[in-house]
Amino acid sequence: MTPQVFENDVSNQICDASSVALVVVDEAHKAVGQHSIVKALKYVGSSQKSAQNVLAMLRRIARLQF
């Protein structure tokens, strides 16, 4: 799914943003300003606490060793 399709589906409530559990962003360095993925992610987790929870989870995952 392209960022534009994702933004459109979330903004038009075709996709329930609260049900999105994972978003993988390819070319994340482009996700700035008015990029579609930035707009869509604001619907998914616009609060600072949500972002902090994701980062905390990623830090835990990054420490896993097998």
C-alpha atoms as a PDB file:
ATOM      1  CA  MET A   1       0.000   0.000   0.000  1.00  0.00           C
ATOM      2  CA  THR A   2       1.365   3.406  -0.879  1.00  0.00           C
ATOM      3  CA  PRO A   3       1.495   6.221   1.682  1.00  0.00           C
ATOM      4  CA  GLN A   4      -1.076   8.126  -0.377  1.00  0.00           C
ATOM      5  CA  VAL A   5      -3.572   5.232  -0.293  1.00  0.00           C
ATOM      6  CA  PHE A   6      -2.988   4.765   3.441  1.00  0.00           C
ATOM      7  CA  GLU A   7      -3.534   8.485   4.108  1.00  0.00           C
ATOM      8  CA  ASN A   8      -6.702   8.503   1.998  1.00  0.00           C
ATOM      9  CA  ASP A   9      -8.155   5.400   3.660  1.00  0.00           C
ATOM     10  CA  VAL A  10      -7.435   6.650   7.175  1.00  0.00           C
ATOM     11  CA  SER A  11      -8.597  10.221   6.580  1.00  0.00           C
ATOM     12  CA  ASN A  12     -11.831   8.996   4.928  1.00  0.00           C
ATOM     13  CA  GLN A  13     -12.383   6.463   7.727  1.00  0.00           C
ATOM     14  CA  ILE A  14     -12.198   3.527   5.322  1.00  0.00           C
ATOM     15  CA  CYS A  15      -9.520   2.167   7.639  1.00  0.00           C
ATOM     16  CA  ASP A  16     -10.027   2.548  11.396  1.00  0.00           C
ATOM     17  CA  ALA A  17      -6.812   4.209  12.561  1.00  0.00           C
ATOM     18  CA  SER A  18      -7.233   2.819  16.072  1.00  0.00           C
ATOM     19  CA  SER A  19      -6.986  -0.732  14.696  1.00  0.00           C
ATOM     20  CA  VAL A  20      -3.588  -0.168  13.065  1.00  0.00           C
ATOM     21  CA  ALA A  21      -0.982  -2.081  15.046  1.00  0.00           C
ATOM     22  CA  LEU A  22       2.085  -1.748  12.833  1.00  0.00           C
ATOM     23  CA  VAL A  23       3.243   0.551  10.070  1.00  0.00           C
ATOM     24  CA  VAL A  24       6.441  -0.174   8.180  1.00  0.00           C
ATOM     25  CA  VAL A  25       7.803   2.873   6.400  1.00  0.00           C
ATOM     26  CA  ASP A  26      10.169   2.304   3.510  1.00  0.00           C
ATOM     27  CA  GLU A  27      12.263   5.344   2.637  1.00  0.00           C
ATOM     28  CA  ALA A  28      11.448   6.838   6.051  1.00  0.00           C
ATOM     29  CA  HIS A  29      13.902   9.678   5.487  1.00  0.00           C
ATOM     30  CA  LYS A  30      11.333  11.127   3.077  1.00  0.00           C
ATOM     31  CA  ALA A  31       8.589  11.143   5.730  1.00  0.00           C
ATOM     32  CA  VAL A  32       8.791  14.811   6.676  1.00  0.00           C
ATOM     33  CA  GLY A  33       6.567  17.846   6.397  1.00  0.00           C
ATOM     34  CA  GLN A  34       3.421  17.248   4.354  1.00  0.00           C
ATOM     35  CA  HIS A  35       4.376  13.772   3.097  1.00  0.00           C
ATOM     36  CA  SER A  36       1.378  11.425   3.019  1.00  0.00           C
ATOM     37  CA  ILE A  37       2.826   9.019   5.578  1.00  0.00           C
ATOM     38  CA  VAL A  38       3.294  11.877   8.044  1.00  0.00           C
ATOM     39  CA  LYS A  39      -0.336  12.902   7.646  1.00  0.00           C
ATOM     40  CA  ALA A  40      -1.607   9.320   7.993  1.00  0.00           C
ATOM     41  CA  LEU A  41       0.498   8.596  11.072  1.00  0.00           C
ATOM     42  CA  LYS A  42      -1.018  11.618  12.791  1.00  0.00           C
ATOM     43  CA  TYR A  43      -4.330   9.746  12.718  1.00  0.00           C
ATOM     44  CA  VAL A  44      -2.739   6.525  13.973  1.00  0.00           C
ATOM     45  CA  GLY A  45      -0.782   7.841  16.908  1.00  0.00           C
ATOM     46  CA  SER A  46      -0.742  11.564  17.177  1.00  0.00           C
ATOM     47  CA  SER A  47       0.067  11.837  20.847  1.00  0.00           C
ATOM     48  CA  GLN A  48       3.592  12.145  22.160  1.00  0.00           C
ATOM     49  CA  LYS A  49       2.893   9.340  24.616  1.00  0.00           C
ATOM     50  CA  SER A  50       2.043   6.971  21.754  1.00  0.00           C
ATOM     51  CA  ALA A  51       5.306   7.789  20.026  1.00  0.00           C
ATOM     52  CA  GLN A  52       7.244   7.318  23.254  1.00  0.00           C
ATOM     53  CA  ASN A  53       5.616   3.906  23.786  1.00  0.00           C
ATOM     54  CA  VAL A  54       6.628   2.807  20.289  1.00  0.00           C
ATOM     55  CA  LEU A  55      10.199   3.960  20.816  1.00  0.00           C
ATOM     56  CA  ALA A  56      10.397   2.194  24.168  1.00  0.00           C
ATOM     57  CA  MET A  57       9.170  -1.012  22.556  1.00  0.00           C
ATOM     58  CA  LEU A  58      11.707  -0.705  19.753  1.00  0.00           C
ATOM     59  CA  ARG A  59      14.512  -0.232  22.262  1.00  0.00           C
ATOM     60  CA  ARG A  60      13.500  -3.461  24.017  1.00  0.00           C
ATOM     61  CA  ILE A  61      13.357  -5.343  20.737  1.00  0.00           C
ATOM     62  CA  ALA A  62      16.764  -3.995  19.722  1.00  0.00           C
ATOM     63  CA  ARG A  63      18.276  -5.502  22.854  1.00  0.00           C
ATOM     64  CA  LEU A  64      17.091  -9.036  22.231  1.00  0.00           C
ATOM     65  CA  GLN A  65      19.936 -11.469  21.718  1.00  0.00           C
ATOM     66  CA  PHE A  66      19.756 -15.091  20.676  1.00  0.00           C
END
